[in-house]
N, C-alpha and C. Protein backbone atom coordinates (compact mmCIF):
# COMPACT_ATOMS: atom_id res chain seq x y z
N MET A 1 100.98 64.14 116.14
CA MET A 1 100.10 64.45 117.29
C MET A 1 101.25 64.85 118.45
N VAL A 2 102.30 64.03 118.56
CA VAL A 2 103.25 64.27 119.48
C VAL A 2 103.87 65.63 119.44
N LYS A 3 104.26 66.12 118.01
CA LYS A 3 104.91 67.37 117.88
C LYS A 3 103.87 68.45 118.17
N CYS A 4 102.74 68.28 118.02
CA CYS A 4 101.51 69.32 118.26
C CYS A 4 101.50 69.37 119.79
N TYR A 5 101.58 68.18 120.54
CA TYR A 5 101.63 68.25 121.95
C TYR A 5 102.73 69.00 122.49
N GLN A 6 103.95 68.77 121.98
CA GLN A 6 105.23 69.44 122.38
C GLN A 6 105.06 70.88 122.13
N LYS A 7 104.64 71.33 121.00
CA LYS A 7 104.50 72.72 120.76
C LYS A 7 103.59 73.44 121.77
N PHE A 8 102.36 72.77 122.16
CA PHE A 8 101.39 73.31 122.94
C PHE A 8 101.95 73.44 124.46
N HIS A 9 102.85 72.47 124.85
CA HIS A 9 103.27 72.49 126.29
C HIS A 9 104.80 73.11 126.38
N GLU A 10 105.22 73.75 125.38
CA GLU A 10 106.59 74.44 125.21
C GLU A 10 106.58 75.48 126.36
N GLY A 11 107.62 75.27 127.25
CA GLY A 11 107.65 76.32 128.34
C GLY A 11 106.69 76.06 129.60
N ILE A 12 105.90 75.21 129.51
CA ILE A 12 105.02 74.86 130.65
C ILE A 12 105.62 73.80 131.51
N GLU A 13 105.88 74.05 132.78
CA GLU A 13 106.49 73.14 133.63
C GLU A 13 105.54 72.15 134.18
N LYS A 14 104.51 72.40 134.83
CA LYS A 14 103.47 71.72 135.30
C LYS A 14 102.12 72.23 135.11
N MET A 15 101.07 71.34 135.21
CA MET A 15 99.70 71.87 135.00
C MET A 15 99.30 72.66 136.27
N GLN A 16 98.50 73.72 136.14
CA GLN A 16 98.08 74.58 137.04
C GLN A 16 97.15 73.77 138.07
N LYS A 17 97.23 74.03 139.36
CA LYS A 17 96.43 73.36 140.30
C LYS A 17 94.89 74.21 140.26
N ILE A 18 93.83 73.41 140.38
CA ILE A 18 92.65 73.95 140.20
C ILE A 18 92.13 74.38 141.60
N ASP A 19 91.78 75.68 141.77
CA ASP A 19 91.20 75.99 143.06
C ASP A 19 89.69 76.35 142.86
N HIS A 20 89.06 76.98 143.82
CA HIS A 20 87.73 77.23 143.76
C HIS A 20 87.30 78.34 142.67
N GLN A 21 88.30 79.44 142.60
CA GLN A 21 88.23 80.54 141.72
C GLN A 21 88.31 79.92 140.28
N LEU A 22 89.20 78.97 140.02
CA LEU A 22 89.21 78.48 138.69
C LEU A 22 88.10 77.52 138.31
N LEU A 23 87.74 76.78 139.28
CA LEU A 23 86.48 75.98 139.03
C LEU A 23 85.31 76.76 138.80
N LYS A 24 85.11 77.99 139.40
CA LYS A 24 84.04 78.79 139.10
C LYS A 24 84.20 79.33 137.69
N ARG A 25 85.29 79.67 137.23
CA ARG A 25 85.55 80.23 135.86
C ARG A 25 85.32 79.09 134.81
N LEU A 26 85.63 77.94 135.18
CA LEU A 26 85.49 76.70 134.40
C LEU A 26 83.93 76.40 134.22
N GLN A 27 83.15 76.65 135.31
CA GLN A 27 81.79 76.46 135.22
C GLN A 27 81.16 77.51 134.46
N ASN A 28 81.47 78.71 134.51
CA ASN A 28 81.07 79.69 133.53
C ASN A 28 81.33 79.43 132.12
N LEU A 29 82.60 79.17 131.82
CA LEU A 29 82.88 78.72 130.30
C LEU A 29 82.21 77.70 129.91
N SER A 30 82.05 76.55 130.59
CA SER A 30 81.33 75.45 130.06
C SER A 30 79.83 75.40 130.28
N MET A 31 79.34 76.42 130.99
CA MET A 31 77.82 76.51 131.38
C MET A 31 77.34 75.27 132.04
N VAL A 32 78.10 74.87 133.00
CA VAL A 32 77.81 73.75 133.77
C VAL A 32 77.82 74.09 135.25
N GLU A 33 76.70 73.66 135.83
CA GLU A 33 76.56 74.21 137.38
C GLU A 33 76.99 73.00 138.24
N VAL A 34 77.83 73.32 139.12
CA VAL A 34 78.27 72.24 139.96
C VAL A 34 77.53 72.39 141.42
N ASP A 35 77.16 71.36 141.88
CA ASP A 35 76.37 71.45 143.15
C ASP A 35 77.37 71.75 144.20
N GLU A 36 76.83 72.73 145.03
CA GLU A 36 77.88 73.23 146.21
C GLU A 36 78.41 72.11 147.04
N ALA A 37 77.58 71.18 147.45
CA ALA A 37 78.08 70.11 148.26
C ALA A 37 79.11 69.17 147.55
N LYS A 38 79.30 69.13 146.26
CA LYS A 38 80.18 68.40 145.56
C LYS A 38 81.45 69.15 145.18
N LYS A 39 81.48 70.31 145.37
CA LYS A 39 82.60 71.22 144.76
C LYS A 39 83.92 70.65 145.27
N ASP A 40 84.11 70.36 146.51
CA ASP A 40 85.42 69.90 147.14
C ASP A 40 85.85 68.64 146.57
N GLN A 41 84.80 67.67 146.49
CA GLN A 41 85.14 66.25 145.90
C GLN A 41 85.48 66.57 144.47
N ILE A 42 84.88 67.35 143.62
CA ILE A 42 85.20 67.64 142.19
C ILE A 42 86.67 68.21 142.16
N LEU A 43 86.95 69.07 142.92
CA LEU A 43 88.23 69.75 142.95
C LEU A 43 89.24 68.73 143.28
N GLU A 44 89.06 67.79 144.19
CA GLU A 44 90.04 66.79 144.57
C GLU A 44 90.24 65.91 143.30
N GLU A 45 89.09 65.52 142.67
CA GLU A 45 89.21 64.70 141.52
C GLU A 45 89.96 65.28 140.27
N LEU A 46 89.61 66.61 140.04
CA LEU A 46 90.31 67.28 138.95
C LEU A 46 91.78 67.41 139.27
N ASN A 47 92.14 67.65 140.52
CA ASN A 47 93.56 67.85 140.68
C ASN A 47 94.21 66.47 140.82
N LYS A 48 93.64 65.32 141.09
CA LYS A 48 94.23 64.07 140.92
C LYS A 48 94.42 63.80 139.44
N PHE A 49 93.53 64.18 138.56
CA PHE A 49 93.63 63.93 137.25
C PHE A 49 94.93 64.77 136.60
N LEU A 50 94.95 66.07 137.08
CA LEU A 50 95.98 66.86 136.65
C LEU A 50 97.46 66.26 137.01
N GLU A 51 97.45 65.63 138.41
CA GLU A 51 98.76 65.02 138.80
C GLU A 51 99.04 63.90 137.99
N PHE A 52 98.19 63.07 137.54
CA PHE A 52 98.27 61.88 136.60
C PHE A 52 98.85 62.54 135.18
N VAL A 53 98.24 63.63 134.68
CA VAL A 53 98.76 64.17 133.58
C VAL A 53 100.25 64.59 133.58
N ASP A 54 100.58 65.20 134.76
CA ASP A 54 102.05 65.45 135.02
C ASP A 54 102.88 64.27 134.97
N ILE A 55 102.28 63.14 135.53
CA ILE A 55 103.35 61.92 135.45
C ILE A 55 103.51 61.44 134.06
N LEU A 56 102.29 61.43 133.22
CA LEU A 56 102.45 61.25 131.86
C LEU A 56 103.41 62.11 131.12
N ASP A 57 103.34 63.47 131.44
CA ASP A 57 104.15 64.43 130.89
C ASP A 57 105.70 64.10 131.05
N GLU A 58 106.11 63.35 132.24
CA GLU A 58 107.49 63.07 132.48
C GLU A 58 107.99 61.90 131.53
N LEU A 59 107.05 61.12 130.89
CA LEU A 59 107.61 59.87 130.10
C LEU A 59 108.35 60.48 128.83
N ASP A 60 109.43 59.61 128.52
CA ASP A 60 110.01 60.04 127.25
C ASP A 60 109.43 59.33 126.10
N TYR A 61 108.71 60.00 125.30
CA TYR A 61 108.02 59.53 124.14
C TYR A 61 108.76 59.78 122.88
N SER A 62 109.92 60.27 122.86
CA SER A 62 110.74 60.49 121.73
C SER A 62 111.07 59.20 120.94
N GLY A 63 110.71 59.25 119.61
CA GLY A 63 111.01 58.03 118.83
C GLY A 63 109.65 57.21 118.81
N VAL A 64 108.73 57.49 119.50
CA VAL A 64 107.58 56.67 119.53
C VAL A 64 106.56 57.40 118.52
N GLU A 65 106.11 56.55 117.58
CA GLU A 65 105.11 57.05 116.41
C GLU A 65 103.75 57.14 117.13
N ALA A 66 103.17 58.15 116.81
CA ALA A 66 101.65 58.25 117.30
C ALA A 66 100.71 57.30 116.66
N THR A 67 100.03 56.69 117.43
CA THR A 67 98.89 55.62 116.75
C THR A 67 97.55 55.79 117.33
N PHE A 68 96.67 55.30 116.71
CA PHE A 68 95.29 55.40 117.18
C PHE A 68 95.07 54.17 118.05
N SER A 69 95.62 53.02 117.95
CA SER A 69 95.31 51.86 118.56
C SER A 69 96.67 51.23 118.95
N PRO A 70 97.00 50.60 119.99
CA PRO A 70 98.18 49.92 120.11
C PRO A 70 98.07 48.46 119.48
N ILE A 71 96.93 48.09 119.05
CA ILE A 71 96.76 46.77 118.35
C ILE A 71 96.83 46.89 116.85
N GLU A 72 97.71 46.34 116.18
CA GLU A 72 97.80 46.37 114.67
C GLU A 72 96.89 45.38 114.15
N ALA A 73 95.63 45.63 114.24
CA ALA A 73 94.67 44.67 113.59
C ALA A 73 93.56 45.38 113.05
N SER A 74 92.81 44.86 112.16
CA SER A 74 91.59 45.41 111.73
C SER A 74 90.55 44.34 111.72
N ALA A 75 89.08 44.76 111.70
CA ALA A 75 88.03 43.99 111.67
C ALA A 75 88.01 43.36 110.42
N PRO A 76 87.84 42.07 110.30
CA PRO A 76 87.70 41.43 108.93
C PRO A 76 86.27 41.67 108.34
N LEU A 77 86.23 42.02 107.11
CA LEU A 77 84.89 42.46 106.44
C LEU A 77 84.29 41.05 105.93
N ARG A 78 82.95 40.93 105.99
CA ARG A 78 82.41 39.83 105.47
C ARG A 78 81.59 40.25 104.16
N LYS A 79 81.35 39.32 103.23
CA LYS A 79 80.69 39.63 102.05
C LYS A 79 79.03 39.92 102.44
N ASP A 80 78.53 40.80 101.77
CA ASP A 80 77.33 41.34 102.11
C ASP A 80 76.29 40.44 101.29
N GLU A 81 75.87 39.43 101.83
CA GLU A 81 75.17 38.35 101.25
C GLU A 81 73.80 38.15 102.00
N PRO A 82 72.73 37.85 101.30
CA PRO A 82 71.45 37.44 101.95
C PRO A 82 71.59 36.30 102.84
N SER A 83 70.84 36.26 104.01
CA SER A 83 70.85 35.24 105.00
C SER A 83 70.37 33.92 104.39
N PRO A 84 71.01 32.75 104.82
CA PRO A 84 70.40 31.56 104.36
C PRO A 84 69.11 31.08 105.07
N HIS A 85 68.75 31.98 105.96
CA HIS A 85 67.52 31.71 106.94
C HIS A 85 66.50 32.92 106.72
N PRO A 86 65.79 32.81 105.63
CA PRO A 86 64.72 33.95 105.44
C PRO A 86 63.80 34.09 106.39
N GLU A 87 63.49 33.15 107.16
CA GLU A 87 62.41 33.08 108.24
C GLU A 87 62.75 34.06 109.34
N VAL A 88 64.06 34.13 109.62
CA VAL A 88 64.72 35.12 110.68
C VAL A 88 64.34 36.57 110.31
N GLY A 89 64.67 36.87 109.03
CA GLY A 89 64.23 38.32 108.41
C GLY A 89 62.79 38.64 108.47
N GLN A 90 61.94 37.49 108.24
CA GLN A 90 60.55 37.73 108.35
C GLN A 90 60.09 37.98 109.68
N LYS A 91 60.67 37.34 110.74
CA LYS A 91 60.25 37.56 112.12
C LYS A 91 60.67 38.95 112.57
N ILE A 92 61.78 39.44 112.10
CA ILE A 92 62.30 40.73 112.36
C ILE A 92 61.29 41.76 111.83
N LEU A 93 60.95 41.58 110.59
CA LEU A 93 60.03 42.45 109.86
C LEU A 93 58.68 42.64 110.41
N GLN A 94 58.25 41.38 111.06
CA GLN A 94 56.82 41.33 111.73
C GLN A 94 56.82 42.18 112.86
N ASN A 95 58.02 42.38 113.54
CA ASN A 95 57.92 43.30 114.79
C ASN A 95 58.20 44.81 114.32
N ALA A 96 58.48 45.09 113.04
CA ALA A 96 58.61 46.46 112.63
C ALA A 96 57.21 47.19 112.60
N PRO A 97 57.18 48.54 112.96
CA PRO A 97 55.88 49.31 112.77
C PRO A 97 55.38 49.19 111.25
N LYS A 98 56.30 49.49 110.33
CA LYS A 98 55.93 49.43 108.90
C LYS A 98 56.95 48.67 108.13
N SER A 99 56.65 47.93 107.26
CA SER A 99 57.53 47.16 106.20
C SER A 99 56.92 47.02 104.96
N GLU A 100 57.69 46.88 103.81
CA GLU A 100 57.17 46.78 102.64
C GLU A 100 58.30 46.08 101.69
N ASP A 101 58.01 44.98 101.06
CA ASP A 101 58.81 44.25 100.07
C ASP A 101 60.13 43.92 100.94
N ASN A 102 60.00 43.33 102.10
CA ASN A 102 61.17 42.89 102.90
C ASN A 102 62.16 44.23 103.23
N PHE A 103 61.57 45.44 103.13
CA PHE A 103 62.39 46.60 103.86
C PHE A 103 61.54 47.15 104.83
N PHE A 104 62.34 47.85 105.79
CA PHE A 104 61.73 48.71 106.77
C PHE A 104 61.28 49.91 106.30
N ILE A 105 60.07 50.53 106.61
CA ILE A 105 59.66 51.84 106.20
C ILE A 105 59.73 52.68 107.43
N VAL A 106 60.64 53.75 107.23
CA VAL A 106 60.84 54.71 108.33
C VAL A 106 60.36 56.13 107.93
N PRO A 107 59.99 56.93 108.91
CA PRO A 107 59.59 58.31 108.50
C PRO A 107 60.78 59.08 107.86
N LYS A 108 60.43 59.90 107.02
CA LYS A 108 61.45 60.89 106.42
C LYS A 108 61.98 61.89 107.48
N ILE A 109 63.18 61.99 107.57
CA ILE A 109 63.76 63.01 108.68
C ILE A 109 64.56 64.12 108.18
N ILE A 110 64.94 64.08 106.79
CA ILE A 110 65.49 65.23 106.17
C ILE A 110 64.61 65.59 105.00
N GLU A 111 64.36 66.98 104.91
CA GLU A 111 63.62 67.55 103.94
C GLU A 111 64.53 68.27 102.82
């Protein structure tokens, strides 16, 4: 991921500042209409975000391995065993629109 980011940003000094013309182009590309009264506020927020990206871009991340999470842990899995309290399952099934043989009956969604 880091190498891909480096290649993408090769030769780019800083992110471009967003002005009204660029915002209009982004609106057209994304097919999103921005309320005229909120355009200045949105421009300010987008430019603050780009300033933050520029700050992150200045960080030295050489030698840092890309990760999905900073925490090296995984969720422990439990065994798939029936509950020792069958009355709980029965109460849940009583609230279901349809059930049969302790299973929920749902409408077919894929043909």
